């Protein structure tokens, strides 16, 4: 997992994010490529979606599930978020069956101790087990001081969250056919099934 490409011009990053996550404008003139049958606008949208997916891949996340699972989802997770815990619990049937791998992009945005808690989980010897214990145990996770490198990883994840204009955790990115989709907050049951790819 490499550092995020925040050396890119901020205006370019914000432009990509706004075009991806904002409401689409009313249809304009169709600029369809006669050879491919795909409009220029649709092609550009797919390029933007591919860029956001790439940023998610390059972020700092905790693997949750089989590394060879056929379906991957990225979800922004704050350790203090009760809906993140609820989402984690709701996805267990798919994750434990080896059908889905969740990649928790750890952020610290909800409370003053969220960054320290996120860093503590990310720095654990076995981050996946630490995350599982956090969601199973009733005891409050203690956020401990971590290395500058780990703290910067959480900062990078927070910056990505803000850059994409997101407002809620969990926010989950997933593939819906050949398109990129996202859900902010805890999904409804039918949406969750769609996100997981099967019942």
N, C-alpha and C. Protein backbone atom coordinates (compact mmCIF):
# COMPACT_ATOMS: atom_id res chain seq x y z
N UNK A 1 0.84 -1.18 0.00
CA UNK A 1 0.00 0.00 0.00
C UNK A 1 0.88 1.24 0.00
N UNK A 2 0.88 1.95 -1.10
CA UNK A 2 1.74 3.11 -1.25
C UNK A 2 1.08 4.34 -0.66
N UNK A 3 1.88 5.42 -0.51
CA UNK A 3 1.30 6.68 -0.07
C UNK A 3 0.33 7.19 -1.11
N UNK A 4 -0.68 7.88 -0.67
CA UNK A 4 -1.68 8.41 -1.59
C UNK A 4 -1.08 9.50 -2.46
N UNK A 5 -1.59 9.65 -3.67
CA UNK A 5 -1.01 10.61 -4.61
C UNK A 5 -1.47 12.04 -4.36
N UNK A 6 -1.27 12.56 -3.14
CA UNK A 6 -1.75 13.88 -2.83
C UNK A 6 -0.83 14.97 -3.36
N UNK A 7 0.25 14.56 -4.06
CA UNK A 7 1.07 15.56 -4.73
C UNK A 7 0.40 16.04 -6.00
N UNK A 8 -0.67 15.35 -6.42
CA UNK A 8 -1.44 15.82 -7.55
C UNK A 8 -2.04 17.18 -7.22
N UNK A 9 -2.27 18.03 -8.22
CA UNK A 9 -2.88 19.32 -7.96
C UNK A 9 -4.20 19.17 -7.21
N UNK A 10 -4.37 19.96 -6.17
CA UNK A 10 -5.59 19.85 -5.36
C UNK A 10 -6.83 20.09 -6.21
N UNK A 11 -6.75 21.04 -7.12
CA UNK A 11 -7.90 21.34 -7.98
C UNK A 11 -8.31 20.12 -8.79
N UNK A 12 -7.32 19.35 -9.27
CA UNK A 12 -7.62 18.16 -10.06
C UNK A 12 -8.30 17.11 -9.20
N UNK A 13 -7.77 16.89 -7.98
CA UNK A 13 -8.35 15.90 -7.08
C UNK A 13 -9.79 16.27 -6.74
N UNK A 14 -10.01 17.52 -6.38
CA UNK A 14 -11.35 17.95 -6.02
C UNK A 14 -12.30 17.85 -7.19
N UNK A 15 -11.81 18.17 -8.38
CA UNK A 15 -12.64 18.08 -9.57
C UNK A 15 -13.09 16.65 -9.81
N UNK A 16 -12.15 15.70 -9.69
CA UNK A 16 -12.49 14.29 -9.88
C UNK A 16 -13.51 13.84 -8.86
N UNK A 17 -13.28 14.22 -7.60
CA UNK A 17 -14.18 13.79 -6.54
C UNK A 17 -15.57 14.37 -6.71
N UNK A 18 -15.66 15.64 -7.01
CA UNK A 18 -16.96 16.28 -7.16
C UNK A 18 -17.73 15.69 -8.32
N UNK A 19 -17.03 15.41 -9.42
CA UNK A 19 -17.71 14.84 -10.58
C UNK A 19 -18.17 13.41 -10.32
N UNK A 20 -17.44 12.69 -9.47
CA UNK A 20 -17.81 11.31 -9.19
C UNK A 20 -18.96 11.22 -8.22
N UNK A 21 -18.93 12.01 -7.13
CA UNK A 21 -19.88 11.83 -6.05
C UNK A 21 -21.02 12.85 -6.03
N UNK A 22 -21.03 13.78 -6.96
CA UNK A 22 -22.14 14.73 -7.01
C UNK A 22 -23.26 14.18 -7.87
N UNK A 23 -24.42 14.82 -7.75
CA UNK A 23 -25.56 14.41 -8.56
C UNK A 23 -25.27 14.74 -10.02
N UNK A 24 -25.55 13.79 -10.88
CA UNK A 24 -25.26 14.00 -12.29
C UNK A 24 -26.13 15.11 -12.86
N UNK A 25 -25.58 15.96 -13.74
CA UNK A 25 -26.38 17.02 -14.34
C UNK A 25 -27.37 16.45 -15.35
N UNK A 26 -28.27 17.30 -15.78
CA UNK A 26 -29.23 16.88 -16.79
C UNK A 26 -28.48 16.47 -18.05
N UNK A 27 -28.99 15.46 -18.80
CA UNK A 27 -28.29 14.99 -19.98
C UNK A 27 -28.05 16.12 -20.98
N UNK A 28 -26.85 16.14 -21.52
CA UNK A 28 -26.49 17.11 -22.56
C UNK A 28 -26.44 16.39 -23.89
N UNK A 29 -25.90 17.06 -24.86
CA UNK A 29 -25.80 16.44 -26.17
C UNK A 29 -24.97 15.17 -26.08
N UNK A 30 -25.39 14.13 -26.78
CA UNK A 30 -24.71 12.85 -26.73
C UNK A 30 -23.51 12.87 -27.65
N UNK A 31 -22.32 12.63 -27.07
CA UNK A 31 -21.10 12.57 -27.85
C UNK A 31 -20.63 11.13 -27.89
N UNK A 32 -21.33 10.29 -28.62
CA UNK A 32 -21.05 8.87 -28.65
C UNK A 32 -19.95 8.55 -29.65
N UNK A 33 -19.03 7.69 -29.18
CA UNK A 33 -17.98 7.19 -30.06
C UNK A 33 -18.61 6.14 -30.96
N UNK A 34 -18.60 6.38 -32.24
CA UNK A 34 -19.27 5.49 -33.19
C UNK A 34 -18.66 4.10 -33.17
N UNK A 35 -17.37 4.01 -32.87
CA UNK A 35 -16.71 2.70 -32.88
C UNK A 35 -17.07 1.88 -31.64
N UNK A 36 -17.10 2.53 -30.49
CA UNK A 36 -17.32 1.79 -29.24
C UNK A 36 -18.77 1.83 -28.77
N UNK A 37 -19.53 2.81 -29.23
CA UNK A 37 -20.90 2.96 -28.76
C UNK A 37 -20.97 3.56 -27.37
N UNK A 38 -19.87 4.04 -26.83
CA UNK A 38 -19.81 4.63 -25.49
C UNK A 38 -19.65 6.13 -25.63
N UNK A 39 -20.50 6.90 -24.94
CA UNK A 39 -20.41 8.35 -25.03
C UNK A 39 -19.12 8.83 -24.37
N UNK A 40 -18.66 9.99 -24.81
CA UNK A 40 -17.45 10.57 -24.25
C UNK A 40 -17.63 10.85 -22.76
N UNK A 41 -18.83 11.32 -22.37
CA UNK A 41 -19.10 11.60 -20.96
C UNK A 41 -19.02 10.32 -20.13
N UNK A 42 -19.57 9.22 -20.66
CA UNK A 42 -19.55 7.95 -19.93
C UNK A 42 -18.12 7.44 -19.79
N UNK A 43 -17.34 7.60 -20.84
CA UNK A 43 -15.94 7.16 -20.80
C UNK A 43 -15.15 7.96 -19.76
N UNK A 44 -15.40 9.27 -19.70
CA UNK A 44 -14.71 10.11 -18.72
C UNK A 44 -15.13 9.73 -17.30
N UNK A 45 -16.41 9.42 -17.12
CA UNK A 45 -16.89 9.01 -15.80
C UNK A 45 -16.22 7.72 -15.36
N UNK A 46 -16.06 6.78 -16.28
CA UNK A 46 -15.40 5.52 -15.95
C UNK A 46 -13.94 5.77 -15.57
N UNK A 47 -13.30 6.69 -16.24
CA UNK A 47 -11.91 7.03 -15.90
C UNK A 47 -11.84 7.62 -14.49
N UNK A 48 -12.79 8.48 -14.15
CA UNK A 48 -12.81 9.06 -12.81
C UNK A 48 -13.05 7.98 -11.75
N UNK A 49 -13.94 7.06 -12.05
CA UNK A 49 -14.22 5.97 -11.12
C UNK A 49 -12.99 5.09 -10.92
N UNK A 50 -12.28 4.84 -12.01
CA UNK A 50 -11.05 4.04 -11.91
C UNK A 50 -10.01 4.74 -11.06
N UNK A 51 -9.95 6.07 -11.15
CA UNK A 51 -8.99 6.83 -10.35
C UNK A 51 -9.33 6.74 -8.87
N UNK A 52 -10.60 6.87 -8.53
CA UNK A 52 -11.01 6.78 -7.13
C UNK A 52 -10.73 5.38 -6.58
N UNK A 53 -11.01 4.36 -7.37
CA UNK A 53 -10.74 2.98 -6.94
C UNK A 53 -9.24 2.79 -6.70
N UNK A 54 -8.43 3.38 -7.56
CA UNK A 54 -6.98 3.29 -7.40
C UNK A 54 -6.54 3.98 -6.11
N UNK A 55 -7.12 5.14 -5.80
CA UNK A 55 -6.79 5.82 -4.55
C UNK A 55 -7.14 4.94 -3.35
N UNK A 56 -8.29 4.26 -3.43
CA UNK A 56 -8.68 3.37 -2.34
C UNK A 56 -7.67 2.24 -2.18
N UNK A 57 -7.24 1.67 -3.30
CA UNK A 57 -6.25 0.60 -3.24
C UNK A 57 -4.94 1.06 -2.61
N UNK A 58 -4.58 2.31 -2.87
CA UNK A 58 -3.31 2.84 -2.37
C UNK A 58 -3.40 3.36 -0.93
N UNK A 59 -4.61 3.42 -0.39
CA UNK A 59 -4.77 3.94 0.97
C UNK A 59 -4.27 2.91 1.98
N UNK A 60 -4.45 3.22 3.25
CA UNK A 60 -3.93 2.37 4.32
C UNK A 60 -5.11 1.68 5.00
N UNK A 61 -5.25 0.39 4.72
CA UNK A 61 -6.45 -0.33 5.13
C UNK A 61 -6.10 -1.61 5.86
N UNK A 62 -7.12 -2.14 6.56
CA UNK A 62 -7.01 -3.41 7.27
C UNK A 62 -7.81 -4.44 6.49
N UNK A 63 -7.14 -5.52 6.12
CA UNK A 63 -7.81 -6.60 5.38
C UNK A 63 -8.70 -7.40 6.31
N UNK A 64 -9.93 -7.61 5.88
CA UNK A 64 -10.92 -8.34 6.66
C UNK A 64 -11.55 -9.38 5.74
N UNK A 65 -11.07 -10.62 5.84
CA UNK A 65 -11.60 -11.66 4.97
C UNK A 65 -10.53 -12.32 4.13
N UNK A 66 -10.96 -13.30 3.37
CA UNK A 66 -10.07 -14.10 2.53
C UNK A 66 -9.38 -13.21 1.49
N UNK A 67 -8.04 -13.25 1.42
CA UNK A 67 -7.35 -12.43 0.40
C UNK A 67 -7.70 -12.82 -1.02
N UNK A 68 -8.22 -14.04 -1.20
CA UNK A 68 -8.61 -14.50 -2.54
C UNK A 68 -10.11 -14.40 -2.79
N UNK A 69 -10.82 -13.70 -1.91
CA UNK A 69 -12.27 -13.54 -2.10
C UNK A 69 -12.54 -12.88 -3.44
N UNK A 70 -13.57 -13.33 -4.15
CA UNK A 70 -13.84 -12.78 -5.48
C UNK A 70 -14.37 -11.36 -5.48
N UNK A 71 -14.83 -10.87 -4.34
CA UNK A 71 -15.42 -9.53 -4.28
C UNK A 71 -14.71 -8.71 -3.21
N UNK A 72 -14.31 -7.49 -3.57
CA UNK A 72 -13.60 -6.59 -2.67
C UNK A 72 -14.40 -5.31 -2.50
N UNK A 73 -14.52 -4.87 -1.25
CA UNK A 73 -15.15 -3.59 -0.96
C UNK A 73 -14.21 -2.78 -0.07
N UNK A 74 -14.17 -1.48 -0.30
CA UNK A 74 -13.41 -0.57 0.56
C UNK A 74 -14.41 0.20 1.41
N UNK A 75 -14.16 0.24 2.72
CA UNK A 75 -15.08 0.93 3.60
C UNK A 75 -14.32 1.83 4.57
N UNK A 76 -14.69 3.10 4.61
CA UNK A 76 -14.07 4.04 5.54
C UNK A 76 -14.63 3.77 6.94
N UNK A 77 -13.73 3.48 7.87
CA UNK A 77 -14.11 3.00 9.20
C UNK A 77 -13.50 3.87 10.29
N UNK A 78 -14.33 4.39 11.18
CA UNK A 78 -13.86 5.11 12.36
C UNK A 78 -14.09 4.20 13.57
N UNK A 79 -13.07 4.01 14.41
CA UNK A 79 -13.22 3.09 15.56
C UNK A 79 -14.35 3.47 16.51
N UNK A 80 -14.75 4.74 16.54
CA UNK A 80 -15.83 5.18 17.44
C UNK A 80 -17.20 5.15 16.78
N UNK A 81 -17.28 4.66 15.57
CA UNK A 81 -18.55 4.69 14.81
C UNK A 81 -19.40 3.46 15.11
N UNK A 82 -20.56 3.61 15.74
CA UNK A 82 -21.41 2.45 16.02
C UNK A 82 -21.96 1.81 14.76
N UNK A 83 -22.15 2.61 13.71
CA UNK A 83 -22.66 2.05 12.46
C UNK A 83 -21.59 1.26 11.73
N UNK A 84 -20.31 1.60 11.94
CA UNK A 84 -19.22 0.78 11.39
C UNK A 84 -19.23 -0.60 12.04
N UNK A 85 -19.45 -0.63 13.34
CA UNK A 85 -19.55 -1.91 14.05
C UNK A 85 -20.74 -2.71 13.52
N UNK A 86 -21.86 -2.02 13.32
CA UNK A 86 -23.06 -2.69 12.81
C UNK A 86 -22.82 -3.23 11.40
N UNK A 87 -22.13 -2.45 10.57
CA UNK A 87 -21.82 -2.90 9.22
C UNK A 87 -20.89 -4.11 9.27
N UNK A 88 -19.88 -4.06 10.14
CA UNK A 88 -18.96 -5.19 10.28
C UNK A 88 -19.73 -6.45 10.65
N UNK A 89 -20.64 -6.34 11.61
CA UNK A 89 -21.41 -7.50 12.04
C UNK A 89 -22.32 -8.01 10.93
N UNK A 90 -22.95 -7.10 10.20
CA UNK A 90 -23.88 -7.50 9.15
C UNK A 90 -23.20 -8.21 7.99
N UNK A 91 -21.92 -7.93 7.78
CA UNK A 91 -21.21 -8.52 6.64
C UNK A 91 -20.56 -9.86 6.97
N UNK A 92 -20.65 -10.31 8.23
CA UNK A 92 -19.96 -11.56 8.61
C UNK A 92 -20.35 -12.75 7.76
N UNK A 93 -21.62 -12.96 7.40
CA UNK A 93 -21.93 -14.16 6.60
C UNK A 93 -21.15 -14.23 5.29
N UNK A 94 -20.99 -13.12 4.61
CA UNK A 94 -20.28 -13.11 3.32
C UNK A 94 -18.76 -13.18 3.53
N UNK A 95 -18.28 -12.47 4.53
CA UNK A 95 -16.83 -12.47 4.79
C UNK A 95 -16.38 -13.85 5.26
N UNK A 96 -17.11 -14.44 6.20
CA UNK A 96 -16.71 -15.74 6.74
C UNK A 96 -16.89 -16.86 5.74
N UNK A 97 -17.74 -16.67 4.74
CA UNK A 97 -17.92 -17.67 3.68
C UNK A 97 -16.84 -17.55 2.61
N UNK A 98 -15.97 -16.54 2.73
CA UNK A 98 -14.91 -16.36 1.74
C UNK A 98 -15.38 -15.71 0.46
N UNK A 99 -16.57 -15.13 0.48
CA UNK A 99 -17.13 -14.52 -0.72
C UNK A 99 -16.73 -13.05 -0.87
N UNK A 100 -16.48 -12.39 0.25
CA UNK A 100 -16.22 -10.95 0.24
C UNK A 100 -15.01 -10.65 1.12
N UNK A 101 -14.17 -9.75 0.65
CA UNK A 101 -13.09 -9.20 1.46
C UNK A 101 -13.38 -7.72 1.66
N UNK A 102 -13.46 -7.31 2.92
CA UNK A 102 -13.60 -5.89 3.24
C UNK A 102 -12.20 -5.32 3.48
N UNK A 103 -11.98 -4.12 3.00
CA UNK A 103 -10.75 -3.42 3.28
C UNK A 103 -11.12 -2.14 4.02
N UNK A 104 -10.85 -2.14 5.32
CA UNK A 104 -11.24 -1.03 6.18
C UNK A 104 -10.21 0.09 6.08
N UNK A 105 -10.58 1.18 5.44
CA UNK A 105 -9.72 2.36 5.38
C UNK A 105 -9.94 3.11 6.69
N UNK A 106 -8.97 3.00 7.58
CA UNK A 106 -9.13 3.52 8.93
C UNK A 106 -9.00 5.05 8.95
N UNK A 107 -10.02 5.70 9.50
CA UNK A 107 -10.02 7.15 9.63
C UNK A 107 -10.30 7.52 11.07
N UNK A 108 -9.95 8.74 11.43
CA UNK A 108 -10.23 9.25 12.76
C UNK A 108 -10.90 10.60 12.65
N UNK A 109 -12.23 10.60 12.63
CA UNK A 109 -12.97 11.84 12.34
C UNK A 109 -14.09 12.15 13.32
N UNK A 110 -14.55 11.15 14.08
CA UNK A 110 -15.77 11.33 14.86
C UNK A 110 -15.54 11.89 16.26
N UNK A 111 -14.40 11.62 16.83
CA UNK A 111 -14.14 12.04 18.21
C UNK A 111 -12.67 12.40 18.35
N UNK A 112 -12.32 13.16 19.39
CA UNK A 112 -10.91 13.55 19.55
C UNK A 112 -9.94 12.36 19.63
N UNK A 113 -10.41 11.22 20.18
CA UNK A 113 -9.52 10.07 20.29
C UNK A 113 -9.62 9.11 19.12
N UNK A 114 -10.43 9.45 18.11
CA UNK A 114 -10.57 8.56 16.95
C UNK A 114 -9.26 8.34 16.20
N UNK A 115 -8.47 9.40 15.92
CA UNK A 115 -7.20 9.16 15.20
C UNK A 115 -6.27 8.21 15.95
N UNK A 116 -6.16 8.37 17.27
CA UNK A 116 -5.28 7.50 18.05
C UNK A 116 -5.78 6.06 18.05
N UNK A 117 -7.08 5.87 18.14
CA UNK A 117 -7.64 4.52 18.10
C UNK A 117 -7.43 3.88 16.72
N UNK A 118 -7.66 4.67 15.67
CA UNK A 118 -7.45 4.15 14.31
C UNK A 118 -5.99 3.76 14.12
N UNK A 119 -5.08 4.59 14.61
CA UNK A 119 -3.65 4.30 14.49
C UNK A 119 -3.28 3.05 15.28
N UNK A 120 -3.87 2.87 16.45
CA UNK A 120 -3.59 1.70 17.27
C UNK A 120 -3.99 0.42 16.54
N UNK A 121 -5.14 0.43 15.91
CA UNK A 121 -5.58 -0.74 15.15
C UNK A 121 -4.69 -1.00 13.95
N UNK A 122 -4.35 0.06 13.23
CA UNK A 122 -3.54 -0.09 12.03
C UNK A 122 -2.13 -0.58 12.37
N UNK A 123 -1.62 -0.21 13.55
CA UNK A 123 -0.25 -0.56 13.94
C UNK A 123 -0.16 -1.91 14.63
N UNK A 124 -1.28 -2.56 14.89
CA UNK A 124 -1.27 -3.83 15.60
C UNK A 124 -0.47 -4.88 14.83
N UNK A 125 0.08 -5.84 15.57
CA UNK A 125 0.82 -6.92 14.92
C UNK A 125 -0.05 -7.69 13.95
N UNK A 126 -1.32 -7.88 14.31
CA UNK A 126 -2.31 -8.52 13.45
C UNK A 126 -3.53 -7.59 13.40
N UNK A 127 -3.51 -6.62 12.49
CA UNK A 127 -4.59 -5.62 12.46
C UNK A 127 -5.99 -6.23 12.31
N UNK A 128 -6.12 -7.28 11.51
CA UNK A 128 -7.44 -7.89 11.31
C UNK A 128 -7.97 -8.46 12.63
N UNK A 129 -7.11 -9.13 13.38
CA UNK A 129 -7.53 -9.67 14.68
C UNK A 129 -7.83 -8.56 15.67
N UNK A 130 -7.02 -7.49 15.61
CA UNK A 130 -7.27 -6.35 16.51
C UNK A 130 -8.62 -5.72 16.21
N UNK A 131 -8.95 -5.59 14.93
CA UNK A 131 -10.24 -5.01 14.56
C UNK A 131 -11.38 -5.92 15.01
N UNK A 132 -11.20 -7.22 14.83
CA UNK A 132 -12.21 -8.18 15.25
C UNK A 132 -12.42 -8.12 16.76
N UNK A 133 -11.33 -8.04 17.51
CA UNK A 133 -11.44 -7.95 18.97
C UNK A 133 -12.15 -6.66 19.38
N UNK A 134 -11.84 -5.58 18.68
CA UNK A 134 -12.47 -4.29 18.97
C UNK A 134 -13.99 -4.39 18.82
N UNK A 135 -14.44 -5.09 17.80
CA UNK A 135 -15.88 -5.18 17.56
C UNK A 135 -16.57 -6.24 18.43
N UNK A 136 -15.78 -7.20 18.94
CA UNK A 136 -16.36 -8.24 19.78
C UNK A 136 -16.35 -7.86 21.26
N UNK A 137 -15.28 -7.19 21.68
CA UNK A 137 -15.11 -6.90 23.11
C UNK A 137 -15.96 -5.71 23.53
N UNK A 138 -16.44 -5.77 24.76
CA UNK A 138 -17.24 -4.66 25.28
C UNK A 138 -16.34 -3.55 25.84
N UNK A 139 -15.06 -3.88 26.11
CA UNK A 139 -14.15 -2.88 26.64
C UNK A 139 -13.81 -1.84 25.58
N UNK A 140 -13.65 -0.61 26.02
CA UNK A 140 -13.32 0.47 25.10
C UNK A 140 -11.87 0.35 24.64
N UNK A 141 -11.68 0.50 23.33
CA UNK A 141 -10.33 0.46 22.77
C UNK A 141 -9.55 1.68 23.26
N UNK A 142 -8.33 1.45 23.72
CA UNK A 142 -7.48 2.54 24.16
C UNK A 142 -6.58 2.98 23.01
N UNK A 143 -6.65 4.26 22.66
CA UNK A 143 -5.80 4.78 21.61
C UNK A 143 -4.43 5.11 22.17
N UNK A 144 -3.41 4.43 21.65
CA UNK A 144 -2.05 4.61 22.14
C UNK A 144 -1.22 5.40 21.15
N UNK A 145 -0.21 6.08 21.66
CA UNK A 145 0.69 6.84 20.78
C UNK A 145 1.40 5.88 19.85
N UNK A 146 1.48 6.26 18.56
CA UNK A 146 2.11 5.42 17.56
C UNK A 146 3.22 6.20 16.86
N UNK A 147 3.92 5.51 15.99
CA UNK A 147 5.01 6.17 15.26
C UNK A 147 4.45 7.24 14.35
N UNK A 148 5.30 8.15 13.96
CA UNK A 148 4.90 9.22 13.05
C UNK A 148 4.38 8.63 11.72
N UNK A 149 5.00 7.54 11.27
CA UNK A 149 4.59 6.91 10.02
C UNK A 149 3.14 6.45 10.08
N UNK A 150 2.78 5.80 11.18
CA UNK A 150 1.40 5.31 11.34
C UNK A 150 0.43 6.48 11.45
N UNK A 151 0.80 7.50 12.22
CA UNK A 151 -0.08 8.66 12.35
C UNK A 151 -0.29 9.34 11.01
N UNK A 152 0.74 9.39 10.19
CA UNK A 152 0.61 10.00 8.86
C UNK A 152 -0.29 9.17 7.95
N UNK A 153 -0.30 7.87 8.15
CA UNK A 153 -1.20 7.02 7.35
C UNK A 153 -2.65 7.33 7.66
N UNK A 154 -2.96 7.53 8.94
CA UNK A 154 -4.33 7.91 9.31
C UNK A 154 -4.65 9.29 8.75
N UNK A 155 -3.69 10.20 8.82
CA UNK A 155 -3.90 11.54 8.26
C UNK A 155 -4.20 11.44 6.76
N UNK A 156 -3.43 10.60 6.05
CA UNK A 156 -3.66 10.42 4.62
C UNK A 156 -5.06 9.89 4.35
N UNK A 157 -5.50 8.92 5.15
CA UNK A 157 -6.84 8.37 4.99
C UNK A 157 -7.91 9.43 5.25
N UNK A 158 -7.69 10.25 6.30
CA UNK A 158 -8.63 11.34 6.59
C UNK A 158 -8.69 12.31 5.42
N UNK A 159 -7.53 12.58 4.84
CA UNK A 159 -7.48 13.52 3.72
C UNK A 159 -8.23 12.97 2.51
N UNK A 160 -8.10 11.67 2.28
CA UNK A 160 -8.84 11.05 1.18
C UNK A 160 -10.35 11.15 1.43
N UNK A 161 -10.77 10.87 2.65
CA UNK A 161 -12.18 10.97 3.04
C UNK A 161 -12.70 12.37 2.74
N UNK A 162 -11.96 13.38 3.15
CA UNK A 162 -12.37 14.77 2.93
C UNK A 162 -12.34 15.13 1.45
N UNK A 163 -11.31 14.68 0.76
CA UNK A 163 -11.16 14.99 -0.67
C UNK A 163 -12.34 14.48 -1.47
N UNK A 164 -12.85 13.32 -1.11
CA UNK A 164 -13.98 12.74 -1.82
C UNK A 164 -15.31 13.36 -1.41
N UNK A 165 -15.26 14.29 -0.47
CA UNK A 165 -16.48 14.97 -0.05
C UNK A 165 -17.42 14.09 0.74
N UNK A 166 -16.88 13.09 1.44
CA UNK A 166 -17.71 12.17 2.21
C UNK A 166 -18.10 12.79 3.55
N UNK A 167 -19.23 12.35 4.10
CA UNK A 167 -19.74 12.97 5.33
C UNK A 167 -20.12 11.95 6.40
N UNK A 168 -20.03 10.65 6.09
CA UNK A 168 -20.50 9.66 7.06
C UNK A 168 -19.61 8.42 7.03
N UNK A 169 -19.54 7.78 8.20
CA UNK A 169 -18.94 6.45 8.26
C UNK A 169 -20.01 5.47 8.73
N UNK A 170 -19.98 4.25 8.21
CA UNK A 170 -19.09 3.83 7.15
C UNK A 170 -19.51 4.40 5.81
N UNK A 171 -18.55 4.68 4.94
CA UNK A 171 -18.83 4.89 3.53
C UNK A 171 -18.10 3.79 2.78
N UNK A 172 -18.83 3.08 1.94
CA UNK A 172 -18.29 1.89 1.29
C UNK A 172 -18.30 2.04 -0.22
N UNK A 173 -17.17 1.72 -0.82
CA UNK A 173 -17.02 1.72 -2.27
C UNK A 173 -17.06 0.28 -2.76
N UNK A 174 -17.81 0.03 -3.84
CA UNK A 174 -17.88 -1.33 -4.37
C UNK A 174 -18.19 -1.27 -5.85
N UNK A 175 -17.93 -2.39 -6.51
CA UNK A 175 -18.20 -2.52 -7.93
C UNK A 175 -19.63 -3.00 -8.14
N UNK A 176 -20.35 -2.28 -8.98
CA UNK A 176 -21.71 -2.67 -9.37
C UNK A 176 -21.68 -2.89 -10.88
N UNK A 177 -21.44 -4.13 -11.28
CA UNK A 177 -21.18 -4.39 -12.69
C UNK A 177 -19.84 -3.80 -13.06
N UNK A 178 -19.83 -2.99 -14.10
CA UNK A 178 -18.56 -2.35 -14.50
C UNK A 178 -18.47 -0.92 -13.99
N UNK A 179 -19.34 -0.57 -13.05
CA UNK A 179 -19.33 0.79 -12.50
C UNK A 179 -18.95 0.78 -11.02
N UNK A 180 -18.51 1.95 -10.55
CA UNK A 180 -18.18 2.13 -9.14
C UNK A 180 -19.38 2.74 -8.43
N UNK A 181 -19.78 2.12 -7.33
CA UNK A 181 -20.89 2.64 -6.54
C UNK A 181 -20.41 2.90 -5.12
N UNK A 182 -21.16 3.71 -4.38
CA UNK A 182 -20.81 3.95 -2.99
C UNK A 182 -22.06 4.14 -2.16
N UNK A 183 -21.98 3.75 -0.90
CA UNK A 183 -23.07 3.91 0.05
C UNK A 183 -22.50 4.58 1.29
N UNK A 184 -23.11 5.69 1.69
CA UNK A 184 -22.70 6.37 2.92
C UNK A 184 -23.65 5.98 4.04
N UNK A 185 -23.06 5.53 5.15
CA UNK A 185 -23.86 5.10 6.28
C UNK A 185 -24.16 3.62 6.23
N UNK A 186 -24.93 3.14 7.19
CA UNK A 186 -25.31 1.73 7.26
C UNK A 186 -26.37 1.44 6.20
N UNK A 187 -26.10 0.52 5.28
CA UNK A 187 -27.06 0.26 4.19
C UNK A 187 -28.30 -0.49 4.67
N UNK A 188 -29.39 -0.28 3.95
CA UNK A 188 -30.59 -1.08 4.16
C UNK A 188 -30.31 -2.51 3.71
N UNK A 189 -31.16 -3.45 4.13
CA UNK A 189 -30.91 -4.87 3.88
C UNK A 189 -30.73 -5.18 2.40
N UNK A 190 -31.63 -4.67 1.55
CA UNK A 190 -31.54 -4.99 0.13
C UNK A 190 -30.29 -4.38 -0.50
N UNK A 191 -29.94 -3.18 -0.05
CA UNK A 191 -28.71 -2.54 -0.55
C UNK A 191 -27.50 -3.34 -0.12
N UNK A 192 -27.51 -3.85 1.12
CA UNK A 192 -26.40 -4.65 1.61
C UNK A 192 -26.21 -5.90 0.76
N UNK A 193 -27.29 -6.55 0.40
CA UNK A 193 -27.21 -7.74 -0.46
C UNK A 193 -26.61 -7.39 -1.80
N UNK A 194 -27.02 -6.26 -2.36
CA UNK A 194 -26.45 -5.80 -3.63
C UNK A 194 -24.96 -5.54 -3.50
N UNK A 195 -24.57 -4.90 -2.41
CA UNK A 195 -23.16 -4.61 -2.17
C UNK A 195 -22.33 -5.89 -2.06
N UNK A 196 -22.88 -6.89 -1.37
CA UNK A 196 -22.17 -8.15 -1.18
C UNK A 196 -22.13 -9.01 -2.44
N UNK A 197 -23.02 -8.72 -3.38
CA UNK A 197 -23.02 -9.44 -4.65
C UNK A 197 -23.93 -10.66 -4.67
N UNK A 198 -24.54 -11.01 -3.53
CA UNK A 198 -25.44 -12.17 -3.48
C UNK A 198 -26.15 -12.17 -2.14
N UNK A 199 -27.20 -13.00 -2.03
CA UNK A 199 -27.92 -13.12 -0.77
C UNK A 199 -27.17 -14.05 0.18
